Amino acid sequence: MRQSRFALNLMLLAALAAGALAQEPETHRYTSPEASSSGMIGGKKITVEYYTPSMHGRKIFGELVPFGKVWATGANTATKITT
């Protein structure tokens, strides 16, 4: 019984480790350029950091992305808003 519990815990640990490794960010051949913008609203500075959409000479609609589907622009990382 004790050995089977140990084996079960070991398998669970291995599964969790494999899941964590699967979360490593992929490097893509095409990345969108970084951009940011900031301004003052009510005397407070607000900054928005994002990635701009870039086609890199590719034809997006109808080839890379089928018509009727959404093209995820600037999809490197999520937009960050700092207040």
N, C-alpha and C. Protein backbone atom coordinates (compact mmCIF):
# COMPACT_ATOMS: atom_id res chain seq x y z
N MET A 1 0.82 -1.19 0.00
CA MET A 1 0.00 0.00 0.00
C MET A 1 0.87 1.26 0.00
N ARG A 2 1.91 1.26 0.81
CA ARG A 2 2.78 2.42 0.92
C ARG A 2 3.55 2.64 -0.39
N GLN A 3 3.97 1.54 -1.03
CA GLN A 3 4.69 1.66 -2.30
C GLN A 3 3.79 2.19 -3.41
N SER A 4 2.53 1.76 -3.42
CA SER A 4 1.62 2.22 -4.45
C SER A 4 1.29 3.71 -4.26
N ARG A 5 1.19 4.16 -3.02
CA ARG A 5 0.95 5.58 -2.76
C ARG A 5 2.17 6.40 -3.20
N PHE A 6 3.37 5.90 -2.92
CA PHE A 6 4.59 6.57 -3.35
C PHE A 6 4.63 6.65 -4.88
N ALA A 7 4.31 5.56 -5.55
CA ALA A 7 4.32 5.54 -7.02
C ALA A 7 3.28 6.51 -7.57
N LEU A 8 2.12 6.58 -6.96
CA LEU A 8 1.07 7.50 -7.39
C LEU A 8 1.52 8.96 -7.22
N ASN A 9 2.14 9.26 -6.08
CA ASN A 9 2.65 10.61 -5.85
C ASN A 9 3.76 10.96 -6.84
N LEU A 10 4.61 10.00 -7.15
CA LEU A 10 5.68 10.23 -8.11
C LEU A 10 5.12 10.51 -9.50
N MET A 11 4.10 9.76 -9.90
CA MET A 11 3.47 10.00 -11.20
C MET A 11 2.79 11.37 -11.24
N LEU A 12 2.14 11.75 -10.14
CA LEU A 12 1.50 13.05 -10.07
C LEU A 12 2.53 14.17 -10.18
N LEU A 13 3.63 14.01 -9.49
CA LEU A 13 4.70 15.01 -9.55
C LEU A 13 5.26 15.12 -10.96
N ALA A 14 5.45 13.98 -11.63
CA ALA A 14 5.96 13.98 -13.00
C ALA A 14 4.97 14.67 -13.95
N ALA A 15 3.68 14.43 -13.75
CA ALA A 15 2.66 15.07 -14.60
C ALA A 15 2.65 16.58 -14.39
N LEU A 16 2.78 17.01 -13.14
CA LEU A 16 2.81 18.45 -12.86
C LEU A 16 4.06 19.11 -13.44
N ALA A 17 5.18 18.42 -13.35
CA ALA A 17 6.43 18.96 -13.91
C ALA A 17 6.32 19.06 -15.42
N ALA A 18 5.73 18.08 -16.07
CA ALA A 18 5.57 18.12 -17.52
C ALA A 18 4.66 19.27 -17.92
N GLY A 19 3.62 19.51 -17.14
CA GLY A 19 2.72 20.63 -17.41
C GLY A 19 3.42 21.96 -17.27
N ALA A 20 4.29 22.07 -16.27
CA ALA A 20 5.03 23.31 -16.08
C ALA A 20 5.99 23.56 -17.23
N LEU A 21 6.62 22.53 -17.72
CA LEU A 21 7.54 22.68 -18.85
C LEU A 21 6.80 23.06 -20.12
N ALA A 22 5.56 22.61 -20.24
CA ALA A 22 4.77 22.94 -21.43
C ALA A 22 4.41 24.41 -21.46
N GLN A 23 4.56 25.13 -20.36
CA GLN A 23 4.20 26.53 -20.30
C GLN A 23 5.32 27.46 -20.76
N GLU A 24 6.48 26.92 -21.13
CA GLU A 24 7.57 27.75 -21.61
C GLU A 24 7.11 28.51 -22.85
N PRO A 25 7.43 29.80 -22.94
CA PRO A 25 7.00 30.57 -24.11
C PRO A 25 7.67 30.09 -25.38
N GLU A 26 6.89 30.07 -26.45
CA GLU A 26 7.43 29.69 -27.75
C GLU A 26 8.10 30.89 -28.38
N THR A 27 9.14 30.64 -29.14
CA THR A 27 9.71 31.72 -29.92
C THR A 27 9.14 31.58 -31.32
N HIS A 28 8.63 32.66 -31.84
CA HIS A 28 8.01 32.65 -33.16
C HIS A 28 8.91 33.37 -34.16
N ARG A 29 8.83 32.93 -35.37
CA ARG A 29 9.58 33.57 -36.43
C ARG A 29 9.05 34.99 -36.66
N TYR A 30 7.75 35.15 -36.55
CA TYR A 30 7.13 36.46 -36.74
C TYR A 30 6.69 36.99 -35.39
N THR A 31 7.24 38.10 -34.99
CA THR A 31 6.78 38.74 -33.77
C THR A 31 6.35 40.16 -34.09
N SER A 32 5.42 40.64 -33.33
CA SER A 32 4.95 42.00 -33.53
C SER A 32 5.84 42.96 -32.76
N PRO A 33 6.10 44.14 -33.32
CA PRO A 33 6.96 45.09 -32.64
C PRO A 33 6.30 45.67 -31.38
N GLU A 34 7.14 45.94 -30.37
CA GLU A 34 6.65 46.54 -29.13
C GLU A 34 6.30 48.00 -29.36
N ALA A 35 5.34 48.49 -28.58
CA ALA A 35 4.98 49.90 -28.62
C ALA A 35 4.43 50.28 -27.25
N SER A 36 4.42 51.55 -26.98
CA SER A 36 3.82 52.03 -25.73
C SER A 36 3.31 53.44 -25.94
N SER A 37 2.40 53.82 -25.09
CA SER A 37 1.86 55.16 -25.12
C SER A 37 1.53 55.55 -23.69
N SER A 38 1.72 56.82 -23.37
CA SER A 38 1.38 57.27 -22.02
C SER A 38 0.81 58.67 -22.09
N GLY A 39 0.07 59.00 -21.08
CA GLY A 39 -0.54 60.32 -21.01
C GLY A 39 -0.98 60.61 -19.59
N MET A 40 -1.40 61.83 -19.40
CA MET A 40 -1.86 62.27 -18.08
C MET A 40 -3.38 62.42 -18.13
N ILE A 41 -4.03 61.83 -17.16
CA ILE A 41 -5.48 61.97 -17.01
C ILE A 41 -5.74 62.36 -15.56
N GLY A 42 -6.32 63.52 -15.37
CA GLY A 42 -6.60 63.99 -14.02
C GLY A 42 -5.35 64.10 -13.16
N GLY A 43 -4.23 64.46 -13.78
CA GLY A 43 -2.98 64.60 -13.04
C GLY A 43 -2.26 63.29 -12.75
N LYS A 44 -2.78 62.19 -13.24
CA LYS A 44 -2.17 60.87 -13.03
C LYS A 44 -1.65 60.33 -14.36
N LYS A 45 -0.46 59.75 -14.33
CA LYS A 45 0.14 59.18 -15.53
C LYS A 45 -0.39 57.77 -15.77
N ILE A 46 -0.79 57.51 -16.99
CA ILE A 46 -1.26 56.18 -17.40
C ILE A 46 -0.41 55.75 -18.58
N THR A 47 0.15 54.55 -18.51
CA THR A 47 0.99 54.01 -19.58
C THR A 47 0.38 52.71 -20.09
N VAL A 48 0.35 52.56 -21.40
CA VAL A 48 -0.14 51.33 -22.03
C VAL A 48 1.01 50.76 -22.85
N GLU A 49 1.40 49.52 -22.55
CA GLU A 49 2.44 48.81 -23.31
C GLU A 49 1.77 47.68 -24.08
N TYR A 50 2.06 47.58 -25.37
CA TYR A 50 1.38 46.60 -26.20
C TYR A 50 2.28 46.21 -27.37
N TYR A 51 1.83 45.27 -28.17
CA TYR A 51 2.52 44.87 -29.39
C TYR A 51 1.65 45.26 -30.56
N THR A 52 2.25 45.94 -31.53
CA THR A 52 1.49 46.41 -32.69
C THR A 52 1.33 45.28 -33.71
N PRO A 53 0.22 45.25 -34.40
CA PRO A 53 0.04 44.23 -35.42
C PRO A 53 1.03 44.43 -36.57
N SER A 54 1.58 43.35 -37.06
CA SER A 54 2.53 43.43 -38.16
C SER A 54 2.35 42.23 -39.07
N MET A 55 2.18 42.49 -40.35
CA MET A 55 1.94 41.42 -41.30
C MET A 55 3.23 40.81 -41.84
N HIS A 56 4.36 41.50 -41.69
CA HIS A 56 5.67 41.02 -42.15
C HIS A 56 5.64 40.55 -43.60
N GLY A 57 4.90 41.27 -44.44
CA GLY A 57 4.85 40.94 -45.86
C GLY A 57 3.94 39.76 -46.20
N ARG A 58 3.30 39.19 -45.19
CA ARG A 58 2.42 38.05 -45.44
C ARG A 58 1.03 38.53 -45.83
N LYS A 59 0.31 37.71 -46.56
CA LYS A 59 -1.10 37.98 -46.82
C LYS A 59 -1.87 37.28 -45.71
N ILE A 60 -2.54 38.07 -44.89
CA ILE A 60 -3.20 37.52 -43.71
C ILE A 60 -4.57 36.95 -44.06
N PHE A 61 -5.48 37.81 -44.50
CA PHE A 61 -6.86 37.39 -44.72
C PHE A 61 -7.00 36.58 -45.99
N GLY A 62 -7.57 35.40 -45.84
CA GLY A 62 -7.77 34.51 -46.97
C GLY A 62 -6.64 33.51 -47.17
N GLU A 63 -5.51 33.73 -46.52
CA GLU A 63 -4.40 32.78 -46.61
C GLU A 63 -3.99 32.31 -45.21
N LEU A 64 -3.28 33.16 -44.46
CA LEU A 64 -2.85 32.79 -43.11
C LEU A 64 -4.06 32.59 -42.19
N VAL A 65 -5.02 33.47 -42.32
CA VAL A 65 -6.26 33.39 -41.53
C VAL A 65 -7.42 33.29 -42.52
N PRO A 66 -8.25 32.25 -42.40
CA PRO A 66 -9.39 32.12 -43.32
C PRO A 66 -10.36 33.29 -43.16
N PHE A 67 -11.04 33.63 -44.23
CA PHE A 67 -12.06 34.68 -44.15
C PHE A 67 -13.09 34.29 -43.10
N GLY A 68 -13.56 35.27 -42.35
CA GLY A 68 -14.57 35.02 -41.31
C GLY A 68 -13.98 34.66 -39.96
N LYS A 69 -12.66 34.49 -39.86
CA LYS A 69 -11.99 34.18 -38.60
C LYS A 69 -11.29 35.42 -38.08
N VAL A 70 -11.09 35.49 -36.78
CA VAL A 70 -10.44 36.65 -36.16
C VAL A 70 -8.93 36.49 -36.22
N TRP A 71 -8.24 37.55 -36.62
CA TRP A 71 -6.78 37.57 -36.60
C TRP A 71 -6.36 38.20 -35.29
N ALA A 72 -5.62 37.47 -34.47
CA ALA A 72 -5.14 37.98 -33.18
C ALA A 72 -3.95 38.88 -33.42
N THR A 73 -4.18 40.17 -33.45
CA THR A 73 -3.11 41.12 -33.73
C THR A 73 -2.25 41.34 -32.50
N GLY A 74 -0.96 41.53 -32.71
CA GLY A 74 -0.05 41.84 -31.61
C GLY A 74 -0.10 40.83 -30.50
N ALA A 75 -0.05 39.56 -30.82
CA ALA A 75 -0.32 38.51 -29.86
C ALA A 75 0.91 38.01 -29.10
N ASN A 76 1.99 38.78 -29.03
CA ASN A 76 3.16 38.30 -28.30
C ASN A 76 2.86 38.12 -26.82
N THR A 77 2.38 39.15 -26.17
CA THR A 77 1.97 39.08 -24.77
C THR A 77 0.77 39.98 -24.58
N ALA A 78 0.19 39.89 -23.42
CA ALA A 78 -0.99 40.70 -23.12
C ALA A 78 -0.62 42.18 -22.99
N THR A 79 -1.56 43.02 -23.28
CA THR A 79 -1.38 44.46 -23.11
C THR A 79 -1.26 44.77 -21.62
N LYS A 80 -0.34 45.67 -21.27
CA LYS A 80 -0.13 46.04 -19.88
C LYS A 80 -0.50 47.50 -19.69
N ILE A 81 -1.37 47.77 -18.74
CA ILE A 81 -1.78 49.14 -18.42
C ILE A 81 -1.28 49.46 -17.01
N THR A 82 -0.50 50.52 -16.91
CA THR A 82 0.04 50.93 -15.62
C THR A 82 -0.58 52.29 -15.25
N THR A 83 -1.13 52.33 -14.05
CA THR A 83 -1.73 53.59 -13.59
C THR A 83 -0.98 54.13 -12.40
